[in-house]
C-alpha atoms as a PDB file:
ATOM      1  CA  MET A   1      79.119  97.986  94.820  1.00  0.00           C
ATOM      2  CA  ILE A   2      77.988  96.456  98.100  1.00  0.00           C
ATOM      3  CA  LEU A   3      80.262  94.913 100.716  1.00  0.00           C
ATOM      4  CA  THR A   4      78.540  91.996 102.402  1.00  0.00           C
ATOM      5  CA  ALA A   5      80.339  90.324 105.274  1.00  0.00           C
ATOM      6  CA  THR A   6      79.997  87.889 108.122  1.00  0.00           C
ATOM      7  CA  TRP A   7      81.451  88.791 111.488  1.00  0.00           C
ATOM      8  CA  ASN A   8      81.745  86.914 114.765  1.00  0.00           C
ATOM      9  CA  PRO A   9      82.862  89.896 116.870  1.00  0.00           C
ATOM     10  CA  ARG A  10      86.054  89.437 118.860  1.00  0.00           C
ATOM     11  CA  GLY A  11      86.846  92.977 119.870  1.00  0.00           C
ATOM     12  CA  GLU A  12      87.015  94.547 116.377  1.00  0.00           C
ATOM     13  CA  ALA A  13      84.147  97.037 116.795  1.00  0.00           C
ATOM     14  CA  GLN A  14      86.314 100.094 117.452  1.00  0.00           C
ATOM     15  CA  ARG A  15      88.580  99.248 114.534  1.00  0.00           C
ATOM     16  CA  LEU A  16      85.519  98.951 112.290  1.00  0.00           C
ATOM     17  CA  ILE A  17      84.302 102.378 113.420  1.00  0.00           C
ATOM     18  CA  ARG A  18      87.730 103.866 112.742  1.00  0.00           C
ATOM     19  CA  LEU A  19      87.996 102.274 109.288  1.00  0.00           C
ATOM     20  CA  LEU A  20      84.377 102.874 108.274  1.00  0.00           C
ATOM     21  CA  PRO A  21      85.068 106.129 106.364  1.00  0.00           C
ATOM     22  CA  ARG A  22      87.617 104.306 104.187  1.00  0.00           C
ATOM     23  CA  LEU A  23      85.205 101.432 103.555  1.00  0.00           C
ATOM     24  CA  GLN A  24      82.479 103.850 102.562  1.00  0.00           C
ATOM     25  CA  GLN A  25      84.759 105.420  99.974  1.00  0.00           C
ATOM     26  CA  VAL A  26      84.792 102.077  98.132  1.00  0.00           C
ATOM     27  CA  TYR A  27      81.409 100.493  98.902  1.00  0.00           C
ATOM     28  CA  ASP A  28      78.029 102.139  98.355  1.00  0.00           C
ATOM     29  CA  GLN A  29      76.459 100.000 101.073  1.00  0.00           C
ATOM     30  CA  ILE A  30      77.777  97.671 103.778  1.00  0.00           C
ATOM     31  CA  VAL A  31      75.872  94.637 105.059  1.00  0.00           C
ATOM     32  CA  VAL A  32      77.242  92.749 108.071  1.00  0.00           C
ATOM     33  CA  VAL A  33      75.738  89.494 109.339  1.00  0.00           C
ATOM     34  CA  ILE A  34      76.538  88.493 112.916  1.00  0.00           C
ATOM     35  CA  PRO A  35      75.663  85.305 114.847  1.00  0.00           C
ATOM     36  CA  PRO A  36      72.737  84.955 117.259  1.00  0.00           C
ATOM     37  CA  GLU A  37      73.453  86.928 120.425  1.00  0.00           C
ATOM     38  CA  ALA A  38      73.438  83.722 122.451  1.00  0.00           C
ATOM     39  CA  VAL A  39      76.508  82.618 120.508  1.00  0.00           C
ATOM     40  CA  ILE A  40      78.619  85.734 120.760  1.00  0.00           C
ATOM     41  CA  GLY A  41      77.298  87.229 124.051  1.00  0.00           C
ATOM     42  CA  GLY A  42      78.977  89.782 126.283  1.00  0.00           C
ATOM     43  CA  GLU A  43      80.630  93.076 125.429  1.00  0.00           C
ATOM     44  CA  ALA A  44      81.555  92.074 121.874  1.00  0.00           C
ATOM     45  CA  SER A  45      77.872  91.485 121.135  1.00  0.00           C
ATOM     46  CA  ARG A  46      76.770  94.802 122.608  1.00  0.00           C
ATOM     47  CA  GLN A  47      79.378  96.719 120.623  1.00  0.00           C
ATOM     48  CA  ALA A  48      78.386  94.989 117.377  1.00  0.00           C
ATOM     49  CA  LEU A  49      74.697  95.668 117.885  1.00  0.00           C
ATOM     50  CA  HIS A  50      75.460  99.312 118.699  1.00  0.00           C
ATOM     51  CA  LEU A  51      76.867  99.684 115.184  1.00  0.00           C
ATOM     52  CA  GLN A  52      73.339  99.391 113.811  1.00  0.00           C
ATOM     53  CA  HIS A  53      73.049 103.108 114.535  1.00  0.00           C
ATOM     54  CA  TYR A  54      75.869 104.041 112.171  1.00  0.00           C
ATOM     55  CA  PRO A  55      74.653 105.383 108.795  1.00  0.00           C
ATOM     56  CA  GLY A  56      75.446 103.056 105.914  1.00  0.00           C
ATOM     57  CA  LEU A  57      75.810  99.936 108.068  1.00  0.00           C
ATOM     58  CA  ASP A  58      73.166  97.216 107.860  1.00  0.00           C
ATOM     59  CA  ILE A  59      73.769  94.859 110.806  1.00  0.00           C
ATOM     60  CA  GLN A  60      71.802  91.604 110.583  1.00  0.00           C
ATOM     61  CA  GLN A  61      71.669  88.762 113.096  1.00  0.00           C
ATOM     62  CA  SER A  62      71.397  85.295 111.629  1.00  0.00           C
ATOM     63  CA  ALA A  63      69.165  82.866 113.513  1.00  0.00           C
ATOM     64  CA  GLN A  64      71.579  80.098 112.475  1.00  0.00           C
ATOM     65  CA  TRP A  65      75.251  81.023 112.225  1.00  0.00           C
ATOM     66  CA  GLY A  66      75.818  78.301 109.653  1.00  0.00           C
ATOM     67  CA  ALA A  67      73.538  80.240 107.306  1.00  0.00           C
ATOM     68  CA  GLY A  68      75.402  83.520 107.805  1.00  0.00           C
ATOM     69  CA  ARG A  69      77.286  83.627 104.512  1.00  0.00           C
ATOM     70  CA  TYR A  70      74.199  82.721 102.499  1.00  0.00           C
ATOM     71  CA  LEU A  71      72.171  85.396 104.306  1.00  0.00           C
ATOM     72  CA  ALA A  72      74.895  87.975 103.685  1.00  0.00           C
ATOM     73  CA  LEU A  73      74.871  87.298  99.937  1.00  0.00           C
ATOM     74  CA  GLN A  74      71.069  87.211  99.857  1.00  0.00           C
ATOM     75  CA  ARG A  75      70.854  90.549 101.639  1.00  0.00           C
ATOM     76  CA  ALA A  76      73.190  92.182  99.127  1.00  0.00           C
ATOM     77  CA  VAL A  77      71.101  90.919  96.199  1.00  0.00           C
ATOM     78  CA  GLU A  78      67.923  92.192  97.871  1.00  0.00           C
ATOM     79  CA  ARG A  79      69.545  95.628  98.064  1.00  0.00           C
ATOM     80  CA  SER A  80      69.893  95.673  94.262  1.00  0.00           C
ATOM     81  CA  ALA A  81      73.670  95.437  94.162  1.00  0.00           C
ATOM     82  CA  ASP A  82      75.284  95.484  90.736  1.00  0.00           C
ATOM     83  CA  ALA A  83      78.530  94.141  92.165  1.00  0.00           C
ATOM     84  CA  ILE A  84      79.197  92.434  95.491  1.00  0.00           C
ATOM     85  CA  GLN A  85      82.281  91.745  97.540  1.00  0.00           C
ATOM     86  CA  TYR A  86      81.832  89.029 100.144  1.00  0.00           C
ATOM     87  CA  ALA A  87      84.368  89.059 102.987  1.00  0.00           C
ATOM     88  CA  ASP A  88      85.018  87.674 106.436  1.00  0.00           C
ATOM     89  CA  LEU A  89      85.012  91.035 108.187  1.00  0.00           C
ATOM     90  CA  ASP A  90      87.866  90.480 110.640  1.00  0.00           C
ATOM     91  CA  ARG A  91      90.212  89.577 107.786  1.00  0.00           C
ATOM     92  CA  LEU A  92      89.014  92.492 105.655  1.00  0.00           C
ATOM     93  CA  LEU A  93      89.627  94.980 108.471  1.00  0.00           C
ATOM     94  CA  ARG A  94      93.226  93.822 108.734  1.00  0.00           C
ATOM     95  CA  TRP A  95      93.635  94.135 104.964  1.00  0.00           C
ATOM     96  CA  VAL A  96      92.297  97.701 104.897  1.00  0.00           C
ATOM     97  CA  GLU A  97      94.401  98.674 107.903  1.00  0.00           C
ATOM     98  CA  THR A  98      97.702  97.206 106.711  1.00  0.00           C
ATOM     99  CA  ARG A  99      97.637  97.324 102.895  1.00  0.00           C
ATOM    100  CA  GLU A 100      95.008  99.847 101.882  1.00  0.00           C
ATOM    101  CA  ASP A 101      96.309 100.466  98.361  1.00  0.00           C
ATOM    102  CA  GLU A 102      96.253  96.752  97.521  1.00  0.00           C
ATOM    103  CA  TRP A 103      92.727  96.392  98.915  1.00  0.00           C
ATOM    104  CA  ARG A 104      91.451  99.349  96.889  1.00  0.00           C
ATOM    105  CA  ALA A 105      93.085  98.079  93.695  1.00  0.00           C
ATOM    106  CA  ILE A 106      91.623  94.588  93.973  1.00  0.00           C
ATOM    107  CA  ALA A 107      88.176  95.829  95.046  1.00  0.00           C
ATOM    108  CA  SER A 108      88.101  98.049  91.952  1.00  0.00           C
ATOM    109  CA  ARG A 109      88.308  94.927  89.744  1.00  0.00           C
ATOM    110  CA  ILE A 110      85.115  93.372  91.086  1.00  0.00           C
ATOM    111  CA  PRO A 111      82.569  95.435  89.077  1.00  0.00           C
ATOM    112  CA  GLY A 112      84.162  94.192  85.853  1.00  0.00           C
ATOM    113  CA  VAL A 113      83.922  90.429  86.484  1.00  0.00           C
ATOM    114  CA  ASP A 114      81.346  87.756  87.289  1.00  0.00           C
ATOM    115  CA  CYS A 115      83.462  86.030  89.925  1.00  0.00           C
ATOM    116  CA  LEU A 116      86.793  87.000  91.434  1.00  0.00           C
ATOM    117  CA  VAL A 117      88.314  84.622  93.970  1.00  0.00           C
ATOM    118  CA  ILE A 118      90.783  86.562  96.126  1.00  0.00           C
ATOM    119  CA  GLY A 119      93.392  84.273  97.634  1.00  0.00           C
ATOM    120  CA  ARG A 120      96.436  84.597  99.841  1.00  0.00           C
ATOM    121  CA  SER A 121      99.860  85.200  98.371  1.00  0.00           C
ATOM    122  CA  PRO A 122     102.724  82.960  99.568  1.00  0.00           C
ATOM    123  CA  ARG A 123     103.800  85.858 101.794  1.00  0.00           C
ATOM    124  CA  ALA A 124     100.329  86.031 103.366  1.00  0.00           C
ATOM    125  CA  TYR A 125     100.045  82.271 103.795  1.00  0.00           C
ATOM    126  CA  ALA A 126     103.400  82.144 105.591  1.00  0.00           C
ATOM    127  CA  THR A 127     101.892  84.049 108.532  1.00  0.00           C
ATOM    128  CA  HIS A 128      99.323  81.305 109.224  1.00  0.00           C
ATOM    129  CA  PRO A 129      99.596  78.388 111.642  1.00  0.00           C
ATOM    130  CA  GLN A 130     100.740  75.140 110.078  1.00  0.00           C
ATOM    131  CA  ALA A 131      97.433  73.572 111.132  1.00  0.00           C
ATOM    132  CA  ILE A 132      95.743  75.856 108.601  1.00  0.00           C
ATOM    133  CA  VAL A 133      98.400  75.692 105.900  1.00  0.00           C
ATOM    134  CA  ALA A 134      98.624  71.882 105.868  1.00  0.00           C
ATOM    135  CA  THR A 135      94.897  71.184 105.861  1.00  0.00           C
ATOM    136  CA  GLU A 136      93.908  73.903 103.402  1.00  0.00           C
ATOM    137  CA  ALA A 137      96.528  72.595 100.982  1.00  0.00           C
ATOM    138  CA  ILE A 138      94.290  69.536 100.617  1.00  0.00           C
ATOM    139  CA  SER A 139      90.963  71.311 100.193  1.00  0.00           C
ATOM    140  CA  ASN A 140      92.443  73.934  97.877  1.00  0.00           C
ATOM    141  CA  HIS A 141      93.973  71.174  95.748  1.00  0.00           C
ATOM    142  CA  VAL A 142      90.632  69.412  95.356  1.00  0.00           C
ATOM    143  CA  VAL A 143      88.703  72.577  94.468  1.00  0.00           C
ATOM    144  CA  SER A 144      91.452  73.797  92.129  1.00  0.00           C
ATOM    145  CA  SER A 145      91.382  70.466  90.291  1.00  0.00           C
ATOM    146  CA  PHE A 146      87.682  70.948  89.561  1.00  0.00           C
ATOM    147  CA  LEU A 147      88.151  74.586  88.552  1.00  0.00           C
ATOM    148  CA  GLY A 148      91.054  73.734  86.267  1.00  0.00           C
ATOM    149  CA  SER A 149      93.325  76.344  87.814  1.00  0.00           C
ATOM    150  CA  SER A 150      95.316  76.586  91.034  1.00  0.00           C
ATOM    151  CA  MET A 151      93.516  78.801  93.562  1.00  0.00           C
ATOM    152  CA  ASP A 152      93.353  79.503  97.271  1.00  0.00           C
ATOM    153  CA  VAL A 153      89.582  79.518  97.742  1.00  0.00           C
ATOM    154  CA  SER A 154      89.496  79.747 101.552  1.00  0.00           C
ATOM    155  CA  ALA A 155      90.620  83.311 102.282  1.00  0.00           C
ATOM    156  CA  GLY A 156      87.070  84.517 102.881  1.00  0.00           C
ATOM    157  CA  SER A 157      87.063  87.147 100.127  1.00  0.00           C
ATOM    158  CA  LYS A 158      85.303  86.905  96.787  1.00  0.00           C
ATOM    159  CA  GLY A 159      83.681  89.256  94.303  1.00  0.00           C
ATOM    160  CA  PHE A 160      80.507  88.619  92.297  1.00  0.00           C
ATOM    161  CA  SER A 161      78.333  90.262  89.708  1.00  0.00           C
ATOM    162  CA  ARG A 162      74.654  90.455  90.555  1.00  0.00           C
ATOM    163  CA  ARG A 163      73.927  87.772  87.949  1.00  0.00           C
ATOM    164  CA  ALA A 164      76.497  85.427  89.492  1.00  0.00           C
ATOM    165  CA  ALA A 165      75.186  86.035  93.022  1.00  0.00           C
ATOM    166  CA  GLU A 166      71.655  85.237  91.887  1.00  0.00           C
ATOM    167  CA  CYS A 167      72.925  81.995  90.354  1.00  0.00           C
ATOM    168  CA  ILE A 168      74.582  81.023  93.636  1.00  0.00           C
ATOM    169  CA  LEU A 169      71.456  81.724  95.681  1.00  0.00           C
ATOM    170  CA  ALA A 170      69.295  79.744  93.276  1.00  0.00           C
ATOM    171  CA  ASN A 171      71.554  76.695  93.290  1.00  0.00           C
ATOM    172  CA  THR A 172      72.852  76.421  96.851  1.00  0.00           C
ATOM    173  CA  ARG A 173      71.490  76.054 100.357  1.00  0.00           C
ATOM    174  CA  PRO A 174      72.223  78.135 103.462  1.00  0.00           C
ATOM    175  CA  GLN A 175      74.467  75.529 105.124  1.00  0.00           C
ATOM    176  CA  PRO A 176      77.216  74.444 105.659  1.00  0.00           C
ATOM    177  CA  ALA A 177      78.876  77.831 105.941  1.00  0.00           C
ATOM    178  CA  LEU A 178      82.534  77.001 105.316  1.00  0.00           C
ATOM    179  CA  GLY A 179      81.613  74.734 102.438  1.00  0.00           C
ATOM    180  CA  THR A 180      80.748  77.879 100.482  1.00  0.00           C
ATOM    181  CA  ASP A 181      84.478  78.331  99.878  1.00  0.00           C
ATOM    182  CA  ALA A 182      84.155  75.489  97.375  1.00  0.00           C
ATOM    183  CA  GLU A 183      80.448  75.563  96.628  1.00  0.00           C
ATOM    184  CA  TRP A 184      80.084  79.116  95.355  1.00  0.00           C
ATOM    185  CA  PRO A 185      82.897  79.187  92.761  1.00  0.00           C
ATOM    186  CA  LEU A 186      82.147  75.632  91.619  1.00  0.00           C
ATOM    187  CA  VAL A 187      78.440  76.349  91.115  1.00  0.00           C
ATOM    188  CA  LEU A 188      79.412  79.302  88.941  1.00  0.00           C
ATOM    189  CA  HIS A 189      82.016  77.264  87.088  1.00  0.00           C
ATOM    190  CA  LYS A 190      79.464  74.549  86.284  1.00  0.00           C
ATOM    191  CA  SER A 191      76.955  77.206  85.204  1.00  0.00           C
ATOM    192  CA  GLY A 192      79.343  78.633  82.620  1.00  0.00           C
ATOM    193  CA  PHE A 193      80.618  81.693  84.480  1.00  0.00           C
ATOM    194  CA  TRP A 194      84.286  82.597  84.222  1.00  0.00           C
ATOM    195  CA  VAL A 195      85.963  82.319  87.623  1.00  0.00           C
ATOM    196  CA  GLU A 196      88.932  84.686  87.858  1.00  0.00           C
ATOM    197  CA  TYR A 197      91.647  84.647  90.510  1.00  0.00           C
ATOM    198  CA  THR A 198      94.044  87.041  92.178  1.00  0.00           C
ATOM    199  CA  GLU A 199      96.228  86.973  95.299  1.00  0.00           C
ATOM    200  CA  ALA A 200      96.798  89.510  98.047  1.00  0.00           C
ATOM    201  CA  ASP A 201      99.543  90.060 100.607  1.00  0.00           C
ATOM    202  CA  GLY A 202      96.941  91.769 102.791  1.00  0.00           C
ATOM    203  CA  LEU A 203      95.047  88.551 103.474  1.00  0.00           C
ATOM    204  CA  ASP A 204      97.566  87.451 106.071  1.00  0.00           C
ATOM    205  CA  TRP A 205      96.475  85.795 109.319  1.00  0.00           C
ATOM    206  CA  GLU A 206      93.992  87.944 111.183  1.00  0.00           C
ATOM    207  CA  SER A 207      93.326  85.971 114.366  1.00  0.00           C
ATOM    208  CA  ALA A 208      96.231  87.576 116.234  1.00  0.00           C
ATOM    209  CA  ASP A 209      94.332  90.886 115.960  1.00  0.00           C
ATOM    210  CA  GLN A 210      91.495  89.772 118.247  1.00  0.00           C
ATOM    211  CA  TYR A 211      90.752  92.200 121.100  1.00  0.00           C
ATOM    212  CA  GLN A 212      93.601  94.467 119.974  1.00  0.00           C
ATOM    213  CA  GLU A 213      93.382  98.173 119.176  1.00  0.00           C
ATOM    214  CA  LYS A 214      95.159  97.685 115.857  1.00  0.00           C
ATOM    215  CA  ALA A 215      96.413  94.951 113.559  1.00  0.00           C
ATOM    216  CA  ALA A 216      99.057  92.710 115.121  1.00  0.00           C
ATOM    217  CA  ASP A 217     102.636  92.965 113.906  1.00  0.00           C
ATOM    218  CA  ALA A 218     104.628  90.066 112.464  1.00  0.00           C
ATOM    219  CA  SER A 219     106.134  88.970 115.791  1.00  0.00           C
ATOM    220  CA  ASP A 220     102.703  88.867 117.464  1.00  0.00           C
ATOM    221  CA  GLN A 221     101.342  86.901 114.524  1.00  0.00           C
ATOM    222  CA  ARG A 222     104.180  84.403 114.819  1.00  0.00           C
ATOM    223  CA  ARG A 223     103.686  83.878 118.543  1.00  0.00           C
ATOM    224  CA  ALA A 224      99.934  83.460 118.099  1.00  0.00           C
ATOM    225  CA  ALA A 225     100.453  80.962 115.266  1.00  0.00           C
ATOM    226  CA  GLU A 226     102.851  78.893 117.375  1.00  0.00           C
ATOM    227  CA  ALA A 227     100.357  78.860 120.239  1.00  0.00           C
ATOM    228  CA  TYR A 228      97.585  77.823 117.856  1.00  0.00           C
ATOM    229  CA  ASP A 229      99.621  74.905 116.509  1.00  0.00           C
ATOM    230  CA  SER A 230     100.469  73.697 120.007  1.00  0.00           C
ATOM    231  CA  ASN A 231      96.822  72.785 120.676  1.00  0.00           C
ATOM    232  CA  PRO A 232      95.792  69.419 119.139  1.00  0.00           C
ATOM    233  CA  LYS A 233      92.145  70.522 119.167  1.00  0.00           C
ATOM    234  CA  HIS A 234      92.974  73.165 116.576  1.00  0.00           C
ATOM    235  CA  TRP A 235      94.434  70.550 114.244  1.00  0.00           C
ATOM    236  CA  ASP A 236      91.322  68.436 114.663  1.00  0.00           C
ATOM    237  CA  TYR A 237      89.107  71.428 113.904  1.00  0.00           C
ATOM    238  CA  ARG A 238      91.077  72.403 110.800  1.00  0.00           C
ATOM    239  CA  VAL A 239      90.865  68.845 109.459  1.00  0.00           C
ATOM    240  CA  ARG A 240      87.085  68.988 109.881  1.00  0.00           C
ATOM    241  CA  VAL A 241      86.950  72.351 108.093  1.00  0.00           C
ATOM    242  CA  ALA A 242      88.950  70.961 105.173  1.00  0.00           C
ATOM    243  CA  MET A 243      86.609  67.963 104.975  1.00  0.00           C
ATOM    244  CA  GLU A 244      83.580  70.273 104.944  1.00  0.00           C
ATOM    245  CA  ILE A 245      85.046  72.151 101.992  1.00  0.00           C
ATOM    246  CA  VAL A 246      85.948  68.948 100.129  1.00  0.00           C
ATOM    247  CA  ASP A 247      82.495  67.472 100.789  1.00  0.00           C
ATOM    248  CA  ALA A 248      80.861  70.612  99.399  1.00  0.00           C
ATOM    249  CA  ALA A 249      83.028  70.436  96.291  1.00  0.00           C
ATOM    250  CA  LEU A 250      82.118  66.802  95.680  1.00  0.00           C
ATOM    251  CA  ARG A 251      78.439  67.513  96.244  1.00  0.00           C
ATOM    252  CA  VAL A 252      78.444  70.261  93.603  1.00  0.00           C
ATOM    253  CA  MET A 253      80.427  68.300  91.050  1.00  0.00           C
ATOM    254  CA  ASN A 254      78.356  65.122  91.511  1.00  0.00           C
ATOM    255  CA  ALA A 255      75.014  66.925  91.234  1.00  0.00           C
ATOM    256  CA  GLU A 256      73.038  66.403  88.054  1.00  0.00           C
END
């Protein structure tokens, strides 16, 4: 099984190095796609690029960050993966660090399915800013209606068989990136694949971990979430993200 991830580095490099032995116990190969250096810049960029020298890590820079998720999935298929877990790397690192047993148990299910959407449990969702919770309730509702089952599709963690990944690549385009939360499972659903679902406590809010030596505790998460909600620009951004996901869902379902 290959882990393929996108990562906009915000100080997580040392945590990734520390957790790499655990990741390599579960995944045969690890592919990580990062943005163009002009986007991320600075020390975070240098640390991420340095990781190219670590055995078992394939660090790729995407010329267009919007194409990062598509490139990550494509790279895993090119490496002859039988099973693939896609993840947003910052969120996955928190999951491995805080609830390793749960992560291992859910990852072990991926080789036996065509598509596993891994969502956030109510406990995990409660750690997020309201700007995320309120807007994702809309996009998740729309996508769930098309899938015929209630799911949180926007946690940045999904598992695919090789056959399912090939179907996605053949029937989608590289952009928009966040629209893949809806696009990928809906393309598979329309193509006759069974889309399974599970929830994880370990997919709680990861942004409070940025530039920290370890995963933030609950009080730090709460303070960061309150600060996030206090900025109107964040609400505007989250509305636009939800619309991108809804637009992708409608595009897939309206396609011939």
